[in-house]
PDB file of N, CA and C in Angstrom:
ATOM      1  N   MET A   1       0.679  -1.196  -0.322  1.00  0.00           N
ATOM      2  CA  MET A   1      -0.063   0.155  -0.029  1.00  0.00           C
ATOM      3  C   MET A   1       0.776   1.143   0.189  1.00  0.00           C
ATOM      4  N   LYS A   2       1.954   1.245   0.458  1.00  0.00           N
ATOM      5  CA  LYS A   2       2.933   2.498   0.558  1.00  0.00           C
ATOM      6  C   LYS A   2       3.491   2.818  -0.707  1.00  0.00           C
ATOM      7  N   GLY A   3       4.074   1.530  -1.031  1.00  0.00           N
ATOM      8  CA  GLY A   3       4.160   2.108  -2.875  1.00  0.00           C
ATOM      9  C   GLY A   3       3.408   2.444  -3.386  1.00  0.00           C
ATOM     10  N   TRP A   4       2.176   1.958  -3.186  1.00  0.00           N
ATOM     11  CA  TRP A   4       1.109   2.566  -4.568  1.00  0.00           C
ATOM     12  C   TRP A   4       0.802   4.199  -4.002  1.00  0.00           C
ATOM     13  N   PHE A   5       0.387   4.043  -2.820  1.00  0.00           N
ATOM     14  CA  PHE A   5       0.444   5.814  -2.467  1.00  0.00           C
ATOM     15  C   PHE A   5       1.460   6.824  -3.013  1.00  0.00           C
ATOM     16  N   ALA A   6       2.907   6.235  -3.015  1.00  0.00           N
ATOM     17  CA  ALA A   6       3.682   7.180  -3.160  1.00  0.00           C
ATOM     18  C   ALA A   6       3.789   7.413  -4.652  1.00  0.00           C
ATOM     19  N   ILE A   7       3.287   6.507  -5.416  1.00  0.00           N
ATOM     20  CA  ILE A   7       3.142   6.673  -7.348  1.00  0.00           C
ATOM     21  C   ILE A   7       2.222   7.445  -7.313  1.00  0.00           C
ATOM     22  N   ILE A   8       0.963   7.606  -6.640  1.00  0.00           N
ATOM     23  CA  ILE A   8       0.073   8.580  -6.881  1.00  0.00           C
ATOM     24  C   ILE A   8       0.438   9.791  -6.363  1.00  0.00           C
ATOM     25  N   MET A   9       1.034   9.720  -5.266  1.00  0.00           N
ATOM     26  CA  MET A   9       1.552  11.135  -4.751  1.00  0.00           C
ATOM     27  C   MET A   9       2.460  11.896  -5.530  1.00  0.00           C
ATOM     28  N   MET A  10       3.597  10.986  -6.157  1.00  0.00           N
ATOM     29  CA  MET A  10       4.395  11.848  -6.726  1.00  0.00           C
ATOM     30  C   MET A  10       4.212  12.832  -7.926  1.00  0.00           C
ATOM     31  N   PRO A  11       3.252  12.439  -8.563  1.00  0.00           N
ATOM     32  CA  PRO A  11       3.032  13.890  -9.871  1.00  0.00           C
ATOM     33  C   PRO A  11       2.238  14.926  -9.005  1.00  0.00           C
ATOM     34  N   PHE A  12       1.751  15.151  -7.988  1.00  0.00           N
ATOM     35  CA  PHE A  12       1.187  15.771  -7.205  1.00  0.00           C
ATOM     36  C   PHE A  12       1.816  16.920  -6.425  1.00  0.00           C
ATOM     37  N   LYS A  13       3.095  15.960  -5.665  1.00  0.00           N
ATOM     38  CA  LYS A  13       4.205  16.677  -5.275  1.00  0.00           C
ATOM     39  C   LYS A  13       5.119  17.477  -6.153  1.00  0.00           C
ATOM     40  N   GLU A  14       5.132  16.982  -7.351  1.00  0.00           N
ATOM     41  CA  GLU A  14       5.949  17.744  -8.532  1.00  0.00           C
ATOM     42  C   GLU A  14       4.994  18.894  -8.819  1.00  0.00           C
ATOM     43  N   MET A  15       3.867  18.507  -8.463  1.00  0.00           N
ATOM     44  CA  MET A  15       3.260  20.223  -8.925  1.00  0.00           C
ATOM     45  C   MET A  15       3.316  21.254  -7.987  1.00  0.00           C
ATOM     46  N   ALA A  16       3.296  20.620  -6.898  1.00  0.00           N
ATOM     47  CA  ALA A  16       3.426  21.510  -5.800  1.00  0.00           C
ATOM     48  C   ALA A  16       4.991  22.512  -5.734  1.00  0.00           C
ATOM     49  N   ARG A  17       5.728  21.968  -6.555  1.00  0.00           N
ATOM     50  CA  ARG A  17       6.959  22.758  -6.874  1.00  0.00           C
ATOM     51  C   ARG A  17       7.286  23.394  -8.174  1.00  0.00           C
ATOM     52  N   LEU A  18       6.213  23.412  -8.632  1.00  0.00           N
ATOM     53  CA  LEU A  18       6.029  24.472  -9.824  1.00  0.00           C
ATOM     54  C   LEU A  18       6.095  25.774  -9.300  1.00  0.00           C
ATOM     55  N   ASP A  19       6.904  26.582 -10.532  1.00  0.00           N
ATOM     56  CA  ASP A  19       7.201  28.192 -10.176  1.00  0.00           C
ATOM     57  C   ASP A  19       5.680  29.217  -9.931  1.00  0.00           C
ATOM     58  N   LYS A  20       5.338  29.318  -9.058  1.00  0.00           N
ATOM     59  CA  LYS A  20       3.904  29.598  -8.724  1.00  0.00           C
ATOM     60  C   LYS A  20       3.685  31.044  -9.393  1.00  0.00           C
ATOM     61  N   LEU A  21       4.817  32.009  -9.602  1.00  0.00           N
ATOM     62  CA  LEU A  21       4.823  33.311 -10.024  1.00  0.00           C
ATOM     63  C   LEU A  21       4.606  32.857 -11.507  1.00  0.00           C
ATOM     64  N   ILE A  22       5.566  31.812 -12.329  1.00  0.00           N
ATOM     65  CA  ILE A  22       5.274  31.585 -13.548  1.00  0.00           C
ATOM     66  C   ILE A  22       3.669  30.913 -13.923  1.00  0.00           C
ATOM     67  N   HIS A  23       3.526  29.721 -12.777  1.00  0.00           N
ATOM     68  CA  HIS A  23       2.015  29.438 -12.846  1.00  0.00           C
ATOM     69  C   HIS A  23       0.841  30.189 -13.208  1.00  0.00           C
ATOM     70  N   GLU A  24       0.602  31.193 -12.943  1.00  0.00           N
ATOM     71  CA  GLU A  24      -0.309  32.310 -12.952  1.00  0.00           C
ATOM     72  C   GLU A  24      -0.660  32.501 -14.662  1.00  0.00           C
ATOM     73  N   PRO A  25      -2.027  31.963 -14.692  1.00  0.00           N
ATOM     74  CA  PRO A  25      -2.159  31.844 -16.652  1.00  0.00           C
ATOM     75  C   PRO A  25      -1.574  33.155 -17.078  1.00  0.00           C
ATOM     76  N   ALA A  26      -2.071  34.674 -16.795  1.00  0.00           N
ATOM     77  CA  ALA A  26      -1.486  35.676 -17.606  1.00  0.00           C
ATOM     78  C   ALA A  26       0.278  35.907 -17.635  1.00  0.00           C
ATOM     79  N   ARG A  27       0.656  35.165 -16.553  1.00  0.00           N
ATOM     80  CA  ARG A  27       2.257  35.564 -16.334  1.00  0.00           C
ATOM     81  C   ARG A  27       2.712  34.197 -17.630  1.00  0.00           C
ATOM     82  N   LEU A  28       2.235  33.061 -17.073  1.00  0.00           N
ATOM     83  CA  LEU A  28       2.591  32.103 -18.036  1.00  0.00           C
ATOM     84  C   LEU A  28       2.425  32.663 -19.569  1.00  0.00           C
ATOM     85  N   ALA A  29       1.319  33.145 -20.058  1.00  0.00           N
ATOM     86  CA  ALA A  29       1.556  33.813 -21.238  1.00  0.00           C
ATOM     87  C   ALA A  29       2.273  34.976 -21.418  1.00  0.00           C
ATOM     88  N   ILE A  30       2.623  35.530 -20.620  1.00  0.00           N
ATOM     89  CA  ILE A  30       3.680  36.648 -21.052  1.00  0.00           C
ATOM     90  C   ILE A  30       4.999  35.889 -21.261  1.00  0.00           C
ATOM     91  N   MET A  31       5.145  34.909 -20.607  1.00  0.00           N
ATOM     92  CA  MET A  31       6.649  34.500 -20.375  1.00  0.00           C
ATOM     93  C   MET A  31       6.538  33.359 -21.584  1.00  0.00           C
ATOM     94  N   SER A  32       5.525  33.020 -21.810  1.00  0.00           N
ATOM     95  CA  SER A  32       5.541  32.107 -23.147  1.00  0.00           C
ATOM     96  C   SER A  32       5.954  33.083 -24.331  1.00  0.00           C
ATOM     97  N   ALA A  33       5.272  33.965 -24.379  1.00  0.00           N
ATOM     98  CA  ALA A  33       5.378  34.849 -25.708  1.00  0.00           C
ATOM     99  C   ALA A  33       6.806  35.633 -25.821  1.00  0.00           C
ATOM    100  N   LEU A  34       7.597  35.907 -24.330  1.00  0.00           N
ATOM    101  CA  LEU A  34       8.940  36.201 -24.399  1.00  0.00           C
ATOM    102  C   LEU A  34       9.857  35.150 -24.756  1.00  0.00           C
ATOM    103  N   GLU A  35       9.425  33.939 -24.239  1.00  0.00           N
ATOM    104  CA  GLU A  35      10.458  33.162 -24.463  1.00  0.00           C
ATOM    105  C   GLU A  35      10.813  32.564 -26.092  1.00  0.00           C
ATOM    106  N   ALA A  36       9.672  32.961 -26.905  1.00  0.00           N
ATOM    107  CA  ALA A  36       9.331  32.577 -27.816  1.00  0.00           C
ATOM    108  C   ALA A  36      10.010  34.266 -29.105  1.00  0.00           C
ATOM    109  N   CYS A  37       9.882  34.902 -28.302  1.00  0.00           N
ATOM    110  CA  CYS A  37      10.760  36.262 -29.119  1.00  0.00           C
ATOM    111  C   CYS A  37      11.769  36.933 -28.122  1.00  0.00           C
ATOM    112  N   THR A  38      11.898  36.770 -27.040  1.00  0.00           N
ATOM    113  CA  THR A  38      12.899  37.203 -26.566  1.00  0.00           C
ATOM    114  C   THR A  38      12.661  38.744 -26.210  1.00  0.00           C
ATOM    115  N   LEU A  39      12.131  39.502 -26.787  1.00  0.00           N
ATOM    116  CA  LEU A  39      11.548  41.461 -26.809  1.00  0.00           C
ATOM    117  C   LEU A  39      10.336  41.315 -27.299  1.00  0.00           C
ATOM    118  N   ALA A  40       9.445  41.985 -26.597  1.00  0.00           N
ATOM    119  CA  ALA A  40       8.424  42.510 -27.061  1.00  0.00           C
ATOM    120  C   ALA A  40       7.725  43.811 -26.951  1.00  0.00           C
ATOM    121  N   GLU A  41       6.944  44.510 -27.361  1.00  0.00           N
ATOM    122  CA  GLU A  41       6.708  45.857 -27.162  1.00  0.00           C
ATOM    123  C   GLU A  41       5.186  45.538 -25.896  1.00  0.00           C
ATOM    124  N   PHE A  42       5.152  46.608 -25.320  1.00  0.00           N
ATOM    125  CA  PHE A  42       3.713  46.433 -24.288  1.00  0.00           C
ATOM    126  C   PHE A  42       2.666  46.175 -25.316  1.00  0.00           C
ATOM    127  N   LEU A  43       2.461  46.792 -26.192  1.00  0.00           N
ATOM    128  CA  LEU A  43       1.003  46.894 -26.613  1.00  0.00           C
ATOM    129  C   LEU A  43       0.915  45.258 -27.191  1.00  0.00           C
ATOM    130  N   PHE A  44       1.911  44.933 -27.604  1.00  0.00           N
ATOM    131  CA  PHE A  44       1.900  43.698 -28.312  1.00  0.00           C
ATOM    132  C   PHE A  44       1.365  42.602 -27.409  1.00  0.00           C
ATOM    133  N   LEU A  45       2.300  42.450 -26.014  1.00  0.00           N
ATOM    134  CA  LEU A  45       1.769  41.696 -25.145  1.00  0.00           C
ATOM    135  C   LEU A  45       0.735  41.939 -24.571  1.00  0.00           C
ATOM    136  N   GLN A  46       0.047  43.175 -24.586  1.00  0.00           N
ATOM    137  CA  GLN A  46      -1.538  43.480 -24.305  1.00  0.00           C
ATOM    138  C   GLN A  46      -2.325  42.916 -25.314  1.00  0.00           C
ATOM    139  N   GLU A  47      -2.109  42.554 -26.368  1.00  0.00           N
ATOM    140  CA  GLU A  47      -3.209  42.307 -27.588  1.00  0.00           C
ATOM    141  C   GLU A  47      -3.153  40.929 -27.552  1.00  0.00           C
ATOM    142  N   LEU A  48      -1.627  40.122 -27.434  1.00  0.00           N
ATOM    143  CA  LEU A  48      -1.670  38.910 -27.233  1.00  0.00           C
ATOM    144  C   LEU A  48      -2.318  38.219 -25.914  1.00  0.00           C
ATOM    145  N   THR A  49      -2.119  38.667 -24.779  1.00  0.00           N
ATOM    146  CA  THR A  49      -3.120  38.533 -23.667  1.00  0.00           C
ATOM    147  C   THR A  49      -4.454  38.514 -23.428  1.00  0.00           C
ATOM    148  N   GLY A  50      -4.752  39.727 -24.032  1.00  0.00           N
ATOM    149  CA  GLY A  50      -6.362  40.351 -23.854  1.00  0.00           C
ATOM    150  C   GLY A  50      -6.489  41.055 -22.071  1.00  0.00           C
ATOM    151  N   LEU A  51      -5.120  41.041 -21.885  1.00  0.00           N
ATOM    152  CA  LEU A  51      -5.028  41.873 -20.738  1.00  0.00           C
ATOM    153  C   LEU A  51      -5.325  43.894 -20.806  1.00  0.00           C
ATOM    154  N   THR A  52      -5.771  44.156 -19.531  1.00  0.00           N
ATOM    155  CA  THR A  52      -5.981  45.640 -19.413  1.00  0.00           C
ATOM    156  C   THR A  52      -4.514  46.158 -19.319  1.00  0.00           C
ATOM    157  N   LYS A  53      -4.204  47.560 -19.643  1.00  0.00           N
ATOM    158  CA  LYS A  53      -2.592  47.960 -19.316  1.00  0.00           C
ATOM    159  C   LYS A  53      -2.608  48.062 -17.971  1.00  0.00           C
ATOM    160  N   GLY A  54      -3.599  48.264 -17.012  1.00  0.00           N
ATOM    161  CA  GLY A  54      -3.275  47.946 -15.697  1.00  0.00           C
ATOM    162  C   GLY A  54      -2.512  46.690 -15.049  1.00  0.00           C
ATOM    163  N   ASN A  55      -3.448  45.460 -15.757  1.00  0.00           N
ATOM    164  CA  ASN A  55      -3.332  44.527 -15.372  1.00  0.00           C
ATOM    165  C   ASN A  55      -1.892  43.688 -15.851  1.00  0.00           C
ATOM    166  N   LEU A  56      -1.492  44.391 -17.050  1.00  0.00           N
ATOM    167  CA  LEU A  56      -0.339  43.729 -17.571  1.00  0.00           C
ATOM    168  C   LEU A  56       0.743  44.295 -16.577  1.00  0.00           C
ATOM    169  N   SER A  57       0.677  45.561 -16.782  1.00  0.00           N
ATOM    170  CA  SER A  57       1.650  46.326 -15.920  1.00  0.00           C
ATOM    171  C   SER A  57       1.866  45.622 -14.618  1.00  0.00           C
ATOM    172  N   SER A  58       0.699  45.236 -13.986  1.00  0.00           N
ATOM    173  CA  SER A  58       0.759  44.539 -12.476  1.00  0.00           C
ATOM    174  C   SER A  58       1.750  43.235 -12.426  1.00  0.00           C
ATOM    175  N   HIS A  59       1.412  42.714 -13.511  1.00  0.00           N
ATOM    176  CA  HIS A  59       2.020  41.014 -13.941  1.00  0.00           C
ATOM    177  C   HIS A  59       3.266  41.433 -14.404  1.00  0.00           C
ATOM    178  N   LEU A  60       3.697  42.420 -15.145  1.00  0.00           N
ATOM    179  CA  LEU A  60       5.129  42.826 -15.553  1.00  0.00           C
ATOM    180  C   LEU A  60       6.110  42.785 -14.486  1.00  0.00           C
ATOM    181  N   SER A  61       5.189  43.962 -13.629  1.00  0.00           N
ATOM    182  CA  SER A  61       6.082  44.096 -11.970  1.00  0.00           C
ATOM    183  C   SER A  61       6.724  43.225 -11.530  1.00  0.00           C
ATOM    184  N   LYS A  62       5.959  41.966 -11.578  1.00  0.00           N
ATOM    185  CA  LYS A  62       5.732  40.883 -10.410  1.00  0.00           C
ATOM    186  C   LYS A  62       7.142  40.174 -10.932  1.00  0.00           C
ATOM    187  N   LEU A  63       6.962  40.154 -12.523  1.00  0.00           N
ATOM    188  CA  LEU A  63       8.130  39.208 -12.926  1.00  0.00           C
ATOM    189  C   LEU A  63       9.433  40.035 -12.948  1.00  0.00           C
ATOM    190  N   GLU A  64       9.392  41.451 -13.142  1.00  0.00           N
ATOM    191  CA  GLU A  64      10.780  42.153 -13.305  1.00  0.00           C
ATOM    192  C   GLU A  64      11.134  42.205 -11.760  1.00  0.00           C
ATOM    193  N   LYS A  65      10.264  42.210 -10.607  1.00  0.00           N
ATOM    194  CA  LYS A  65      10.708  42.196  -9.334  1.00  0.00           C
ATOM    195  C   LYS A  65      11.738  41.078  -8.930  1.00  0.00           C
ATOM    196  N   VAL A  66      11.144  39.681  -9.648  1.00  0.00           N
ATOM    197  CA  VAL A  66      12.218  38.214  -9.481  1.00  0.00           C
ATOM    198  C   VAL A  66      13.528  38.315  -9.985  1.00  0.00           C
ATOM    199  N   GLY A  67      13.649  39.233 -11.298  1.00  0.00           N
ATOM    200  CA  GLY A  67      14.397  39.277 -12.333  1.00  0.00           C
ATOM    201  C   GLY A  67      14.141  38.443 -13.501  1.00  0.00           C
ATOM    202  N   TYR A  68      12.885  38.221 -13.742  1.00  0.00           N
ATOM    203  CA  TYR A  68      12.461  37.111 -15.047  1.00  0.00           C
ATOM    204  C   TYR A  68      12.759  37.884 -16.486  1.00  0.00           C
ATOM    205  N   ILE A  69      12.295  39.580 -16.312  1.00  0.00           N
ATOM    206  CA  ILE A  69      12.102  40.172 -17.169  1.00  0.00           C
ATOM    207  C   ILE A  69      12.787  41.456 -16.905  1.00  0.00           C
ATOM    208  N   GLN A  70      13.374  42.115 -18.341  1.00  0.00           N
ATOM    209  CA  GLN A  70      13.835  43.497 -17.723  1.00  0.00           C
ATOM    210  C   GLN A  70      12.683  44.323 -18.955  1.00  0.00           C
ATOM    211  N   ILE A  71      12.345  45.664 -17.924  1.00  0.00           N
ATOM    212  CA  ILE A  71      11.263  46.683 -18.786  1.00  0.00           C
ATOM    213  C   ILE A  71      12.598  47.845 -18.982  1.00  0.00           C
ATOM    214  N   ASN A  72      12.045  48.157 -20.538  1.00  0.00           N
ATOM    215  CA  ASN A  72      12.495  49.509 -20.610  1.00  0.00           C
ATOM    216  C   ASN A  72      11.355  50.417 -21.151  1.00  0.00           C
ATOM    217  N   LYS A  73      11.458  51.516 -20.441  1.00  0.00           N
ATOM    218  CA  LYS A  73      10.432  52.579 -20.999  1.00  0.00           C
ATOM    219  C   LYS A  73      11.027  53.400 -21.835  1.00  0.00           C
ATOM    220  N   ASN A  74      10.929  53.982 -22.789  1.00  0.00           N
ATOM    221  CA  ASN A  74      11.054  55.524 -23.707  1.00  0.00           C
ATOM    222  C   ASN A  74       9.967  56.027 -23.940  1.00  0.00           C
ATOM    223  N   PHE A  75      10.279  57.163 -24.661  1.00  0.00           N
ATOM    224  CA  PHE A  75       9.464  57.921 -25.123  1.00  0.00           C
ATOM    225  C   PHE A  75       9.791  58.586 -26.752  1.00  0.00           C
ATOM    226  N   VAL A  76       8.691  58.318 -27.595  1.00  0.00           N
ATOM    227  CA  VAL A  76       8.960  58.664 -28.855  1.00  0.00           C
ATOM    228  C   VAL A  76       8.330  60.163 -29.255  1.00  0.00           C
ATOM    229  N   ARG A  77       9.657  60.794 -29.530  1.00  0.00           N
ATOM    230  CA  ARG A  77       8.827  62.578 -29.635  1.00  0.00           C
ATOM    231  C   ARG A  77       8.810  63.108 -28.623  1.00  0.00           C
ATOM    232  N   GLN A  78       9.422  62.489 -27.677  1.00  0.00           N
ATOM    233  CA  GLN A  78       9.041  62.939 -26.182  1.00  0.00           C
ATOM    234  C   GLN A  78       8.003  63.070 -25.539  1.00  0.00           C
ATOM    235  N   LYS A  79       6.908  62.233 -26.150  1.00  0.00           N
ATOM    236  CA  LYS A  79       5.691  62.232 -25.711  1.00  0.00           C
ATOM    237  C   LYS A  79       5.003  61.101 -25.673  1.00  0.00           C
ATOM    238  N   ILE A  80       5.101  60.241 -26.505  1.00  0.00           N
ATOM    239  CA  ILE A  80       4.591  58.736 -26.826  1.00  0.00           C
ATOM    240  C   ILE A  80       5.218  57.970 -25.950  1.00  0.00           C
ATOM    241  N   PRO A  81       4.812  56.869 -25.078  1.00  0.00           N
ATOM    242  CA  PRO A  81       5.579  56.062 -24.237  1.00  0.00           C
ATOM    243  C   PRO A  81       5.872  54.788 -25.385  1.00  0.00           C
ATOM    244  N   HIS A  82       6.857  54.505 -25.268  1.00  0.00           N
ATOM    245  CA  HIS A  82       7.218  53.254 -25.920  1.00  0.00           C
ATOM    246  C   HIS A  82       8.066  52.369 -24.741  1.00  0.00           C
ATOM    247  N   THR A  83       7.487  51.342 -24.531  1.00  0.00           N
ATOM    248  CA  THR A  83       7.611  50.081 -23.542  1.00  0.00           C
ATOM    249  C   THR A  83       8.024  49.045 -24.101  1.00  0.00           C
ATOM    250  N   THR A  84       9.110  48.323 -23.617  1.00  0.00           N
ATOM    251  CA  THR A  84       9.739  47.040 -24.175  1.00  0.00           C
ATOM    252  C   THR A  84       9.898  46.373 -23.154  1.00  0.00           C
ATOM    253  N   ILE A  85       9.569  44.912 -23.270  1.00  0.00           N
ATOM    254  CA  ILE A  85      10.253  43.868 -22.230  1.00  0.00           C
ATOM    255  C   ILE A  85      10.917  43.133 -22.926  1.00  0.00           C
ATOM    256  N   ARG A  86      11.822  42.788 -22.053  1.00  0.00           N
ATOM    257  CA  ARG A  86      12.820  41.586 -22.534  1.00  0.00           C
ATOM    258  C   ARG A  86      12.807  40.640 -21.399  1.00  0.00           C
ATOM    259  N   ILE A  87      13.034  39.387 -21.853  1.00  0.00           N
ATOM    260  CA  ILE A  87      12.983  37.849 -20.811  1.00  0.00           C
ATOM    261  C   ILE A  87      14.879  37.872 -20.481  1.00  0.00           C
ATOM    262  N   THR A  88      15.027  37.960 -19.192  1.00  0.00           N
ATOM    263  CA  THR A  88      16.127  37.570 -18.554  1.00  0.00           C
ATOM    264  C   THR A  88      16.774  36.132 -18.968  1.00  0.00           C
ATOM    265  N   ARG A  89      18.351  36.302 -18.793  1.00  0.00           N
ATOM    266  CA  ARG A  89      18.659  34.809 -18.229  1.00  0.00           C
ATOM    267  C   ARG A  89      17.981  34.280 -17.726  1.00  0.00           C
ATOM    268  N   GLU A  90      17.605  34.764 -16.318  1.00  0.00           N
ATOM    269  CA  GLU A  90      17.113  34.187 -15.176  1.00  0.00           C
ATOM    270  C   GLU A  90      15.766  33.549 -15.766  1.00  0.00           C
ATOM    271  N   GLY A  91      14.998  34.473 -16.396  1.00  0.00           N
ATOM    272  CA  GLY A  91      13.773  34.221 -16.754  1.00  0.00           C
ATOM    273  C   GLY A  91      13.481  32.950 -18.003  1.00  0.00           C
ATOM    274  N   GLN A  92      14.707  32.880 -19.031  1.00  0.00           N
ATOM    275  CA  GLN A  92      14.885  31.683 -19.919  1.00  0.00           C
ATOM    276  C   GLN A  92      15.042  30.670 -18.756  1.00  0.00           C
ATOM    277  N   ALA A  93      15.637  30.760 -18.222  1.00  0.00           N
ATOM    278  CA  ALA A  93      15.914  29.680 -17.040  1.00  0.00           C
ATOM    279  C   ALA A  93      14.598  29.218 -16.485  1.00  0.00           C
ATOM    280  N   ALA A  94      13.930  29.875 -15.703  1.00  0.00           N
ATOM    281  CA  ALA A  94      12.830  29.745 -15.249  1.00  0.00           C
ATOM    282  C   ALA A  94      11.742  29.190 -15.586  1.00  0.00           C
ATOM    283  N   ILE A  95      11.395  29.785 -17.543  1.00  0.00           N
ATOM    284  CA  ILE A  95      10.533  28.923 -17.970  1.00  0.00           C
ATOM    285  C   ILE A  95      11.117  27.669 -18.326  1.00  0.00           C
ATOM    286  N   LEU A  96      12.109  27.453 -18.769  1.00  0.00           N
ATOM    287  CA  LEU A  96      12.610  26.055 -19.001  1.00  0.00           C
ATOM    288  C   LEU A  96      12.269  25.188 -18.258  1.00  0.00           C
ATOM    289  N   GLN A  97      12.769  25.521 -16.942  1.00  0.00           N
ATOM    290  CA  GLN A  97      12.546  24.606 -15.821  1.00  0.00           C
ATOM    291  C   GLN A  97      10.952  24.542 -15.711  1.00  0.00           C
ATOM    292  N   TYR A  98      10.449  25.301 -15.504  1.00  0.00           N
ATOM    293  CA  TYR A  98       8.848  25.118 -15.703  1.00  0.00           C
ATOM    294  C   TYR A  98       8.132  24.048 -16.902  1.00  0.00           C
ATOM    295  N   TRP A  99       8.523  24.086 -17.745  1.00  0.00           N
ATOM    296  CA  TRP A  99       8.371  23.218 -18.725  1.00  0.00           C
ATOM    297  C   TRP A  99       8.708  21.947 -18.528  1.00  0.00           C
ATOM    298  N   ASP A 100      10.327  21.678 -18.157  1.00  0.00           N
ATOM    299  CA  ASP A 100      10.471  20.501 -18.081  1.00  0.00           C
ATOM    300  C   ASP A 100       9.718  19.704 -16.619  1.00  0.00           C
ATOM    301  N   GLN A 101       9.551  20.654 -15.811  1.00  0.00           N
ATOM    302  CA  GLN A 101       8.947  20.253 -14.532  1.00  0.00           C
ATOM    303  C   GLN A 101       7.443  19.337 -14.930  1.00  0.00           C
ATOM    304  N   LEU A 102       6.615  20.388 -16.311  1.00  0.00           N
ATOM    305  CA  LEU A 102       5.211  19.812 -16.731  1.00  0.00           C
ATOM    306  C   LEU A 102       5.606  18.299 -17.282  1.00  0.00           C
ATOM    307  N   ASP A 103       6.996  18.556 -17.883  1.00  0.00           N
ATOM    308  CA  ASP A 103       6.862  17.344 -19.016  1.00  0.00           C
ATOM    309  C   ASP A 103       7.069  16.168 -17.820  1.00  0.00           C
ATOM    310  N   ARG A 104       7.928  16.455 -16.854  1.00  0.00           N
ATOM    311  CA  ARG A 104       7.911  15.065 -16.104  1.00  0.00           C
ATOM    312  C   ARG A 104       6.797  14.691 -15.287  1.00  0.00           C
ATOM    313  N   ILE A 105       5.776  15.813 -14.959  1.00  0.00           N
ATOM    314  CA  ILE A 105       4.588  15.589 -13.965  1.00  0.00           C
ATOM    315  C   ILE A 105       3.670  14.415 -15.290  1.00  0.00           C
ATOM    316  N   ARG A 106       4.039  14.910 -16.558  1.00  0.00           N
ATOM    317  CA  ARG A 106       2.883  14.617 -17.485  1.00  0.00           C
ATOM    318  C   ARG A 106       3.326  13.166 -17.797  1.00  0.00           C
ATOM    319  N   GLU A 107       4.515  12.844 -17.954  1.00  0.00           N
ATOM    320  CA  GLU A 107       5.119  11.468 -17.975  1.00  0.00           C
ATOM    321  C   GLU A 107       5.009  10.613 -16.785  1.00  0.00           C
ATOM    322  N   ILE A 108       5.047  11.015 -15.459  1.00  0.00           N
ATOM    323  CA  ILE A 108       4.245  10.058 -14.413  1.00  0.00           C
ATOM    324  C   ILE A 108       2.950   9.764 -14.495  1.00  0.00           C
ATOM    325  N   THR A 109       2.031  10.993 -14.695  1.00  0.00           N
ATOM    326  CA  THR A 109       0.892  11.015 -14.905  1.00  0.00           C
ATOM    327  C   THR A 109       0.425   9.906 -16.296  1.00  0.00           C
ATOM    328  N   LYS A 110       1.072   9.570 -17.117  1.00  0.00           N
ATOM    329  CA  LYS A 110       1.019   8.685 -18.338  1.00  0.00           C
ATOM    330  C   LYS A 110       1.438   7.103 -17.721  1.00  0.00           C
ATOM    331  N   GLN A 111       2.222   7.056 -17.038  1.00  0.00           N
ATOM    332  CA  GLN A 111       2.964   5.926 -16.230  1.00  0.00           C
ATOM    333  C   GLN A 111       1.511   5.431 -15.313  1.00  0.00           C
ATOM    334  N   TRP A 112       1.573   6.271 -14.248  1.00  0.00           N
ATOM    335  CA  TRP A 112       0.485   5.639 -13.778  1.00  0.00           C
ATOM    336  C   TRP A 112      -0.535   5.153 -14.593  1.00  0.00           C
ATOM    337  N   GLN A 113      -1.292   5.850 -15.428  1.00  0.00           N
ATOM    338  CA  GLN A 113      -2.382   5.487 -16.034  1.00  0.00           C
ATOM    339  C   GLN A 113      -2.268   4.444 -16.327  1.00  0.00           C
ATOM    340  N   LYS A 114      -1.109   4.165 -17.203  1.00  0.00           N
ATOM    341  CA  LYS A 114      -1.149   2.581 -17.793  1.00  0.00           C
ATOM    342  C   LYS A 114      -0.884   1.465 -16.735  1.00  0.00           C
ATOM    343  N   ASN A 115      -0.613   1.756 -15.507  1.00  0.00           N
ATOM    344  CA  ASN A 115      -0.462   0.831 -14.599  1.00  0.00           C
ATOM    345  C   ASN A 115      -2.007   0.664 -13.947  1.00  0.00           C
ATOM    346  N   HIS A 116      -2.585   1.421 -14.299  1.00  0.00           N
ATOM    347  CA  HIS A 116      -3.949   1.407 -13.393  1.00  0.00           C
ATOM    348  C   HIS A 116      -5.492   1.444 -14.269  1.00  0.00           C
TER     349      HIS A 116
END
């Protein structure tokens, strides 16, 4: 019984170790987009995610605070804000680790399904 319980719990323990900052759906969308293109404009991310400006800004601030992204704000013709967001090395490592963990969870779950 102990071995059976350990097999069932294994994927769930792994899930608890997922990076909760990235796991949030809006931030996962942001990090996935930045993983693919490295650098994106604020308006592009807003369109892609469907978030409001304020909500997107809030999520970006959280990602910047932990060092996953870098935000650069400039002004075009000294009036129009132009914000770009770049994924950092730490951010790239974090999103890759996140995907690896999900892959492991999925594999463990597949094995469990085959055996039960």
